[in-house]
Amino acid sequence: MGCFMNRRLTLSLNSDVVDFAHTFSKKYNKSISKIVENYFIELRKQSTPNLPKYLDELYGVFENVNTPNKKELRKIFHEKNFN
């Protein structure tokens, strides 16, 4: 990923969840911050849909391509088919 500066985040959680977080943190010898950070990293990975390989290769192909809006597309369609 690159080098990013750490920033603070304040969370408000149910006291039972906080107790669990502390227990979990001690059990796995990881800070709560690191556990939360890893969780969000995994969520970010999952936000990309699981596509079949042939579609995955096409994912994002048109990301930087200017596509015409609906009016432009209709105009092009009518010029092509009715002239």
PDB file of N, CA and C in Angstrom:
ATOM      1  N   MET A   1       0.820  -1.158   0.000  1.00  0.00           N
ATOM      2  CA  MET A   1       0.000   0.000   0.000  1.00  0.00           C
ATOM      3  C   MET A   1       0.870   1.228   0.000  1.00  0.00           C
ATOM      4  N   GLY A   2       1.439   1.874   0.391  1.00  0.00           N
ATOM      5  CA  GLY A   2       2.206   3.051   0.513  1.00  0.00           C
ATOM      6  C   GLY A   2       2.356   3.401   1.980  1.00  0.00           C
ATOM      7  N   CYS A   3       3.078   4.451   2.207  1.00  0.00           N
ATOM      8  CA  CYS A   3       3.305   4.890   3.583  1.00  0.00           C
ATOM      9  C   CYS A   3       2.268   5.950   3.920  1.00  0.00           C
ATOM     10  N   PHE A   4       1.433   5.672   4.870  1.00  0.00           N
ATOM     11  CA  PHE A   4       0.394   6.596   5.276  1.00  0.00           C
ATOM     12  C   PHE A   4       0.578   6.965   6.734  1.00  0.00           C
ATOM     13  N   MET A   5       0.212   8.185   7.065  1.00  0.00           N
ATOM     14  CA  MET A   5       0.300   8.639   8.438  1.00  0.00           C
ATOM     15  C   MET A   5      -0.904   8.109   9.210  1.00  0.00           C
ATOM     16  N   ASN A   6      -0.663   7.608  10.401  1.00  0.00           N
ATOM     17  CA  ASN A   6      -1.762   7.135  11.235  1.00  0.00           C
ATOM     18  C   ASN A   6      -2.578   8.314  11.739  1.00  0.00           C
ATOM     19  N   ARG A   7      -3.891   8.115  11.826  1.00  0.00           N
ATOM     20  CA  ARG A   7      -4.798   9.130  12.355  1.00  0.00           C
ATOM     21  C   ARG A   7      -5.663   8.489  13.427  1.00  0.00           C
ATOM     22  N   ARG A   8      -6.176   9.293  14.300  1.00  0.00           N
ATOM     23  CA  ARG A   8      -7.021   8.800  15.388  1.00  0.00           C
ATOM     24  C   ARG A   8      -8.464   8.671  14.932  1.00  0.00           C
ATOM     25  N   LEU A   9      -9.159   7.699  15.519  1.00  0.00           N
ATOM     26  CA  LEU A   9     -10.578   7.481  15.270  1.00  0.00           C
ATOM     27  C   LEU A   9     -11.212   7.128  16.601  1.00  0.00           C
ATOM     28  N   THR A  10     -12.253   7.839  16.964  1.00  0.00           N
ATOM     29  CA  THR A  10     -12.946   7.555  18.216  1.00  0.00           C
ATOM     30  C   THR A  10     -14.187   6.737  17.908  1.00  0.00           C
ATOM     31  N   LEU A  11     -14.360   5.634  18.623  1.00  0.00           N
ATOM     32  CA  LEU A  11     -15.523   4.770  18.439  1.00  0.00           C
ATOM     33  C   LEU A  11     -16.371   4.775  19.697  1.00  0.00           C
ATOM     34  N   SER A  12     -17.663   4.729  19.522  1.00  0.00           N
ATOM     35  CA  SER A  12     -18.577   4.554  20.646  1.00  0.00           C
ATOM     36  C   SER A  12     -19.208   3.179  20.497  1.00  0.00           C
ATOM     37  N   LEU A  13     -18.937   2.313  21.467  1.00  0.00           N
ATOM     38  CA  LEU A  13     -19.410   0.929  21.392  1.00  0.00           C
ATOM     39  C   LEU A  13     -20.112   0.545  22.671  1.00  0.00           C
ATOM     40  N   ASN A  14     -20.975  -0.420  22.560  1.00  0.00           N
ATOM     41  CA  ASN A  14     -21.648  -1.015  23.701  1.00  0.00           C
ATOM     42  C   ASN A  14     -20.586  -1.547  24.661  1.00  0.00           C
ATOM     43  N   SER A  15     -20.813  -1.413  25.953  1.00  0.00           N
ATOM     44  CA  SER A  15     -19.795  -1.824  26.935  1.00  0.00           C
ATOM     45  C   SER A  15     -19.460  -3.314  26.830  1.00  0.00           C
ATOM     46  N   ASP A  16     -20.431  -4.153  26.468  1.00  0.00           N
ATOM     47  CA  ASP A  16     -20.146  -5.582  26.276  1.00  0.00           C
ATOM     48  C   ASP A  16     -19.169  -5.799  25.122  1.00  0.00           C
ATOM     49  N   VAL A  17     -19.330  -5.008  24.058  1.00  0.00           N
ATOM     50  CA  VAL A  17     -18.447  -5.117  22.906  1.00  0.00           C
ATOM     51  C   VAL A  17     -17.041  -4.646  23.281  1.00  0.00           C
ATOM     52  N   VAL A  18     -16.963  -3.591  24.075  1.00  0.00           N
ATOM     53  CA  VAL A  18     -15.660  -3.092  24.527  1.00  0.00           C
ATOM     54  C   VAL A  18     -14.956  -4.157  25.364  1.00  0.00           C
ATOM     55  N   ASP A  19     -15.697  -4.788  26.279  1.00  0.00           N
ATOM     56  CA  ASP A  19     -15.111  -5.851  27.099  1.00  0.00           C
ATOM     57  C   ASP A  19     -14.616  -7.000  26.219  1.00  0.00           C
ATOM     58  N   PHE A  20     -15.423  -7.371  25.239  1.00  0.00           N
ATOM     59  CA  PHE A  20     -15.019  -8.431  24.327  1.00  0.00           C
ATOM     60  C   PHE A  20     -13.770  -8.023  23.554  1.00  0.00           C
ATOM     61  N   ALA A  21     -13.735  -6.780  23.091  1.00  0.00           N
ATOM     62  CA  ALA A  21     -12.594  -6.298  22.322  1.00  0.00           C
ATOM     63  C   ALA A  21     -11.304  -6.402  23.139  1.00  0.00           C
ATOM     64  N   HIS A  22     -11.376  -6.025  24.401  1.00  0.00           N
ATOM     65  CA  HIS A  22     -10.188  -6.122  25.262  1.00  0.00           C
ATOM     66  C   HIS A  22      -9.763  -7.577  25.457  1.00  0.00           C
ATOM     67  N   THR A  23     -10.731  -8.448  25.701  1.00  0.00           N
ATOM     68  CA  THR A  23     -10.436  -9.873  25.883  1.00  0.00           C
ATOM     69  C   THR A  23      -9.812 -10.454  24.615  1.00  0.00           C
ATOM     70  N   PHE A  24     -10.430 -10.166  23.477  1.00  0.00           N
ATOM     71  CA  PHE A  24      -9.946 -10.659  22.184  1.00  0.00           C
ATOM     72  C   PHE A  24      -8.542 -10.142  21.923  1.00  0.00           C
ATOM     73  N   SER A  25      -8.341  -8.861  22.191  1.00  0.00           N
ATOM     74  CA  SER A  25      -7.049  -8.219  21.976  1.00  0.00           C
ATOM     75  C   SER A  25      -5.945  -8.899  22.777  1.00  0.00           C
ATOM     76  N   LYS A  26      -6.226  -9.183  24.041  1.00  0.00           N
ATOM     77  CA  LYS A  26      -5.233  -9.850  24.892  1.00  0.00           C
ATOM     78  C   LYS A  26      -4.980 -11.284  24.435  1.00  0.00           C
ATOM     79  N   LYS A  27      -6.062 -11.971  24.072  1.00  0.00           N
ATOM     80  CA  LYS A  27      -5.944 -13.367  23.663  1.00  0.00           C
ATOM     81  C   LYS A  27      -5.040 -13.515  22.443  1.00  0.00           C
ATOM     82  N   TYR A  28      -5.176 -12.598  21.473  1.00  0.00           N
ATOM     83  CA  TYR A  28      -4.414 -12.699  20.226  1.00  0.00           C
ATOM     84  C   TYR A  28      -3.205 -11.765  20.195  1.00  0.00           C
ATOM     85  N   ASN A  29      -2.955 -11.111  21.308  1.00  0.00           N
ATOM     86  CA  ASN A  29      -1.786 -10.243  21.456  1.00  0.00           C
ATOM     87  C   ASN A  29      -1.694  -9.203  20.330  1.00  0.00           C
ATOM     88  N   LYS A  30      -2.849  -8.588  20.037  1.00  0.00           N
ATOM     89  CA  LYS A  30      -2.914  -7.527  19.030  1.00  0.00           C
ATOM     90  C   LYS A  30      -3.686  -6.361  19.625  1.00  0.00           C
ATOM     91  N   SER A  31      -3.296  -5.167  19.253  1.00  0.00           N
ATOM     92  CA  SER A  31      -4.019  -3.996  19.754  1.00  0.00           C
ATOM     93  C   SER A  31      -5.410  -3.936  19.122  1.00  0.00           C
ATOM     94  N   ILE A  32      -6.324  -3.315  19.811  1.00  0.00           N
ATOM     95  CA  ILE A  32      -7.676  -3.142  19.272  1.00  0.00           C
ATOM     96  C   ILE A  32      -7.607  -2.311  17.995  1.00  0.00           C
ATOM     97  N   SER A  33      -6.746  -1.322  17.982  1.00  0.00           N
ATOM     98  CA  SER A  33      -6.586  -0.497  16.770  1.00  0.00           C
ATOM     99  C   SER A  33      -6.181  -1.350  15.579  1.00  0.00           C
ATOM    100  N   LYS A  34      -5.239  -2.256  15.779  1.00  0.00           N
ATOM    101  CA  LYS A  34      -4.763  -3.106  14.684  1.00  0.00           C
ATOM    102  C   LYS A  34      -5.868  -4.063  14.236  1.00  0.00           C
ATOM    103  N   ILE A  35      -6.631  -4.586  15.174  1.00  0.00           N
ATOM    104  CA  ILE A  35      -7.744  -5.495  14.833  1.00  0.00           C
ATOM    105  C   ILE A  35      -8.778  -4.755  13.992  1.00  0.00           C
ATOM    106  N   VAL A  36      -9.135  -3.553  14.410  1.00  0.00           N
ATOM    107  CA  VAL A  36     -10.123  -2.759  13.674  1.00  0.00           C
ATOM    108  C   VAL A  36      -9.577  -2.384  12.292  1.00  0.00           C
ATOM    109  N   GLU A  37      -8.307  -1.978  12.239  1.00  0.00           N
ATOM    110  CA  GLU A  37      -7.686  -1.624  10.965  1.00  0.00           C
ATOM    111  C   GLU A  37      -7.712  -2.815  10.006  1.00  0.00           C
ATOM    112  N   ASN A  38      -7.319  -3.991  10.480  1.00  0.00           N
ATOM    113  CA  ASN A  38      -7.328  -5.192   9.637  1.00  0.00           C
ATOM    114  C   ASN A  38      -8.727  -5.537   9.164  1.00  0.00           C
ATOM    115  N   TYR A  39      -9.708  -5.342  10.040  1.00  0.00           N
ATOM    116  CA  TYR A  39     -11.098  -5.609   9.671  1.00  0.00           C
ATOM    117  C   TYR A  39     -11.520  -4.718   8.501  1.00  0.00           C
ATOM    118  N   PHE A  40     -11.207  -3.425   8.590  1.00  0.00           N
ATOM    119  CA  PHE A  40     -11.585  -2.517   7.508  1.00  0.00           C
ATOM    120  C   PHE A  40     -10.807  -2.788   6.229  1.00  0.00           C
ATOM    121  N   ILE A  41      -9.577  -3.217   6.347  1.00  0.00           N
ATOM    122  CA  ILE A  41      -8.803  -3.595   5.156  1.00  0.00           C
ATOM    123  C   ILE A  41      -9.483  -4.764   4.454  1.00  0.00           C
ATOM    124  N   GLU A  42      -9.939  -5.747   5.234  1.00  0.00           N
ATOM    125  CA  GLU A  42     -10.645  -6.899   4.645  1.00  0.00           C
ATOM    126  C   GLU A  42     -11.962  -6.460   4.015  1.00  0.00           C
ATOM    127  N   LEU A  43     -12.685  -5.554   4.657  1.00  0.00           N
ATOM    128  CA  LEU A  43     -13.936  -5.058   4.078  1.00  0.00           C
ATOM    129  C   LEU A  43     -13.683  -4.359   2.748  1.00  0.00           C
ATOM    130  N   ARG A  44     -12.613  -3.590   2.679  1.00  0.00           N
ATOM    131  CA  ARG A  44     -12.295  -2.887   1.444  1.00  0.00           C
ATOM    132  C   ARG A  44     -12.010  -3.883   0.321  1.00  0.00           C
ATOM    133  N   LYS A  45     -11.335  -4.972   0.620  1.00  0.00           N
ATOM    134  CA  LYS A  45     -11.060  -6.007  -0.384  1.00  0.00           C
ATOM    135  C   LYS A  45     -12.359  -6.622  -0.898  1.00  0.00           C
ATOM    136  N   GLN A  46     -13.319  -6.808   0.015  1.00  0.00           N
ATOM    137  CA  GLN A  46     -14.579  -7.460  -0.343  1.00  0.00           C
ATOM    138  C   GLN A  46     -15.522  -6.536  -1.091  1.00  0.00           C
ATOM    139  N   SER A  47     -15.259  -5.232  -1.090  1.00  0.00           N
ATOM    140  CA  SER A  47     -16.170  -4.319  -1.767  1.00  0.00           C
ATOM    141  C   SER A  47     -16.098  -4.462  -3.278  1.00  0.00           C
ATOM    142  N   THR A  48     -15.038  -5.094  -3.786  1.00  0.00           N
ATOM    143  CA  THR A  48     -14.959  -5.417  -5.200  1.00  0.00           C
ATOM    144  C   THR A  48     -15.732  -6.710  -5.413  1.00  0.00           C
ATOM    145  N   PRO A  49     -16.720  -6.667  -6.307  1.00  0.00           N
ATOM    146  CA  PRO A  49     -17.544  -7.870  -6.487  1.00  0.00           C
ATOM    147  C   PRO A  49     -16.726  -9.081  -6.938  1.00  0.00           C
ATOM    148  N   ASN A  50     -17.157 -10.254  -6.511  1.00  0.00           N
ATOM    149  CA  ASN A  50     -16.521 -11.493  -6.971  1.00  0.00           C
ATOM    150  C   ASN A  50     -17.080 -11.834  -8.345  1.00  0.00           C
ATOM    151  N   LEU A  51     -16.337 -11.468  -9.350  1.00  0.00           N
ATOM    152  CA  LEU A  51     -16.783 -11.683 -10.720  1.00  0.00           C
ATOM    153  C   LEU A  51     -16.106 -12.901 -11.314  1.00  0.00           C
ATOM    154  N   PRO A  52     -16.769 -13.548 -12.285  1.00  0.00           N
ATOM    155  CA  PRO A  52     -16.087 -14.615 -13.005  1.00  0.00           C
ATOM    156  C   PRO A  52     -14.826 -14.043 -13.662  1.00  0.00           C
ATOM    157  N   LYS A  53     -13.829 -14.886 -13.871  1.00  0.00           N
ATOM    158  CA  LYS A  53     -12.521 -14.437 -14.386  1.00  0.00           C
ATOM    159  C   LYS A  53     -12.650 -13.608 -15.661  1.00  0.00           C
ATOM    160  N   TYR A  54     -13.509 -14.057 -16.605  1.00  0.00           N
ATOM    161  CA  TYR A  54     -13.622 -13.334 -17.872  1.00  0.00           C
ATOM    162  C   TYR A  54     -14.200 -11.934 -17.674  1.00  0.00           C
ATOM    163  N   LEU A  55     -15.071 -11.761 -16.674  1.00  0.00           N
ATOM    164  CA  LEU A  55     -15.608 -10.434 -16.395  1.00  0.00           C
ATOM    165  C   LEU A  55     -14.641  -9.617 -15.542  1.00  0.00           C
ATOM    166  N   ASP A  56     -13.951 -10.283 -14.650  1.00  0.00           N
ATOM    167  CA  ASP A  56     -12.995  -9.601 -13.786  1.00  0.00           C
ATOM    168  C   ASP A  56     -11.921  -8.906 -14.612  1.00  0.00           C
ATOM    169  N   GLU A  57     -11.536  -9.530 -15.726  1.00  0.00           N
ATOM    170  CA  GLU A  57     -10.525  -8.932 -16.599  1.00  0.00           C
ATOM    171  C   GLU A  57     -11.040  -7.648 -17.252  1.00  0.00           C
ATOM    172  N   LEU A  58     -12.353  -7.530 -17.404  1.00  0.00           N
ATOM    173  CA  LEU A  58     -12.942  -6.339 -18.009  1.00  0.00           C
ATOM    174  C   LEU A  58     -13.264  -5.255 -16.982  1.00  0.00           C
ATOM    175  N   TYR A  59     -13.245  -5.617 -15.706  1.00  0.00           N
ATOM    176  CA  TYR A  59     -13.633  -4.690 -14.643  1.00  0.00           C
ATOM    177  C   TYR A  59     -12.782  -3.425 -14.696  1.00  0.00           C
ATOM    178  N   GLY A  60     -13.428  -2.277 -14.825  1.00  0.00           N
ATOM    179  CA  GLY A  60     -12.733  -0.999 -14.824  1.00  0.00           C
ATOM    180  C   GLY A  60     -12.190  -0.556 -16.172  1.00  0.00           C
ATOM    181  N   VAL A  61     -12.443  -1.319 -17.230  1.00  0.00           N
ATOM    182  CA  VAL A  61     -11.900  -0.987 -18.543  1.00  0.00           C
ATOM    183  C   VAL A  61     -12.360   0.400 -18.996  1.00  0.00           C
ATOM    184  N   PHE A  62     -13.598   0.756 -18.708  1.00  0.00           N
ATOM    185  CA  PHE A  62     -14.136   2.038 -19.168  1.00  0.00           C
ATOM    186  C   PHE A  62     -14.057   3.128 -18.104  1.00  0.00           C
ATOM    187  N   GLU A  63     -13.309   2.897 -17.071  1.00  0.00           N
ATOM    188  CA  GLU A  63     -13.237   3.824 -15.955  1.00  0.00           C
ATOM    189  C   GLU A  63     -12.809   5.229 -16.381  1.00  0.00           C
ATOM    190  N   ASN A  64     -11.833   5.329 -17.250  1.00  0.00           N
ATOM    191  CA  ASN A  64     -11.305   6.633 -17.657  1.00  0.00           C
ATOM    192  C   ASN A  64     -11.740   7.036 -19.061  1.00  0.00           C
ATOM    193  N   VAL A  65     -12.818   6.424 -19.554  1.00  0.00           N
ATOM    194  CA  VAL A  65     -13.299   6.714 -20.899  1.00  0.00           C
ATOM    195  C   VAL A  65     -14.529   7.610 -20.785  1.00  0.00           C
ATOM    196  N   ASN A  66     -14.523   8.699 -21.546  1.00  0.00           N
ATOM    197  CA  ASN A  66     -15.707   9.556 -21.559  1.00  0.00           C
ATOM    198  C   ASN A  66     -16.783   8.893 -22.403  1.00  0.00           C
ATOM    199  N   THR A  67     -17.902   8.576 -21.787  1.00  0.00           N
ATOM    200  CA  THR A  67     -19.004   7.967 -22.525  1.00  0.00           C
ATOM    201  C   THR A  67     -20.080   9.021 -22.718  1.00  0.00           C
ATOM    202  N   PRO A  68     -20.731   9.005 -23.864  1.00  0.00           N
ATOM    203  CA  PRO A  68     -21.766  10.008 -24.121  1.00  0.00           C
ATOM    204  C   PRO A  68     -22.960   9.823 -23.186  1.00  0.00           C
ATOM    205  N   ASN A  69     -23.647  10.919 -22.892  1.00  0.00           N
ATOM    206  CA  ASN A  69     -24.845  10.807 -22.059  1.00  0.00           C
ATOM    207  C   ASN A  69     -26.012  10.299 -22.907  1.00  0.00           C
ATOM    208  N   LYS A  70     -27.185  10.121 -22.299  1.00  0.00           N
ATOM    209  CA  LYS A  70     -28.328   9.525 -23.002  1.00  0.00           C
ATOM    210  C   LYS A  70     -28.733  10.323 -24.231  1.00  0.00           C
ATOM    211  N   LYS A  71     -28.759  11.645 -24.105  1.00  0.00           N
ATOM    212  CA  LYS A  71     -29.170  12.471 -25.246  1.00  0.00           C
ATOM    213  C   LYS A  71     -28.219  12.288 -26.423  1.00  0.00           C
ATOM    214  N   GLU A  72     -26.934  12.264 -26.130  1.00  0.00           N
ATOM    215  CA  GLU A  72     -25.945  12.067 -27.190  1.00  0.00           C
ATOM    216  C   GLU A  72     -26.104  10.691 -27.823  1.00  0.00           C
ATOM    217  N   LEU A  73     -26.333   9.668 -27.002  1.00  0.00           N
ATOM    218  CA  LEU A  73     -26.509   8.312 -27.528  1.00  0.00           C
ATOM    219  C   LEU A  73     -27.740   8.215 -28.415  1.00  0.00           C
ATOM    220  N   ARG A  74     -28.848   8.846 -27.995  1.00  0.00           N
ATOM    221  CA  ARG A  74     -30.064   8.826 -28.815  1.00  0.00           C
ATOM    222  C   ARG A  74     -29.817   9.513 -30.154  1.00  0.00           C
ATOM    223  N   LYS A  75     -29.140  10.661 -30.110  1.00  0.00           N
ATOM    224  CA  LYS A  75     -28.836  11.404 -31.340  1.00  0.00           C
ATOM    225  C   LYS A  75     -28.005  10.545 -32.291  1.00  0.00           C
ATOM    226  N   ILE A  76     -26.971   9.912 -31.765  1.00  0.00           N
ATOM    227  CA  ILE A  76     -26.119   9.046 -32.583  1.00  0.00           C
ATOM    228  C   ILE A  76     -26.934   7.898 -33.164  1.00  0.00           C
ATOM    229  N   PHE A  77     -27.797   7.276 -32.335  1.00  0.00           N
ATOM    230  CA  PHE A  77     -28.626   6.155 -32.781  1.00  0.00           C
ATOM    231  C   PHE A  77     -29.543   6.586 -33.922  1.00  0.00           C
ATOM    232  N   HIS A  78     -30.233   7.723 -33.739  1.00  0.00           N
ATOM    233  CA  HIS A  78     -31.175   8.180 -34.754  1.00  0.00           C
ATOM    234  C   HIS A  78     -30.469   8.609 -36.036  1.00  0.00           C
ATOM    235  N   GLU A  79     -29.323   9.252 -35.914  1.00  0.00           N
ATOM    236  CA  GLU A  79     -28.574   9.651 -37.101  1.00  0.00           C
ATOM    237  C   GLU A  79     -28.113   8.420 -37.883  1.00  0.00           C
ATOM    238  N   LYS A  80     -27.722   7.390 -37.159  1.00  0.00           N
ATOM    239  CA  LYS A  80     -27.199   6.175 -37.794  1.00  0.00           C
ATOM    240  C   LYS A  80     -28.328   5.360 -38.442  1.00  0.00           C
ATOM    241  N   ASN A  81     -29.480   5.292 -37.791  1.00  0.00           N
ATOM    242  CA  ASN A  81     -30.544   4.405 -38.256  1.00  0.00           C
ATOM    243  C   ASN A  81     -31.640   5.055 -39.085  1.00  0.00           C
ATOM    244  N   PHE A  82     -31.766   6.367 -39.022  1.00  0.00           N
ATOM    245  CA  PHE A  82     -32.890   7.004 -39.728  1.00  0.00           C
ATOM    246  C   PHE A  82     -32.435   8.027 -40.763  1.00  0.00           C
ATOM    247  N   ASN A  83     -31.189   8.119 -41.048  1.00  0.00           N
ATOM    248  CA  ASN A  83     -30.702   9.052 -42.093  1.00  0.00           C
ATOM    249  C   ASN A  83     -30.134   8.310 -43.256  1.00  0.00           C
TER     250      ASN A  83
END
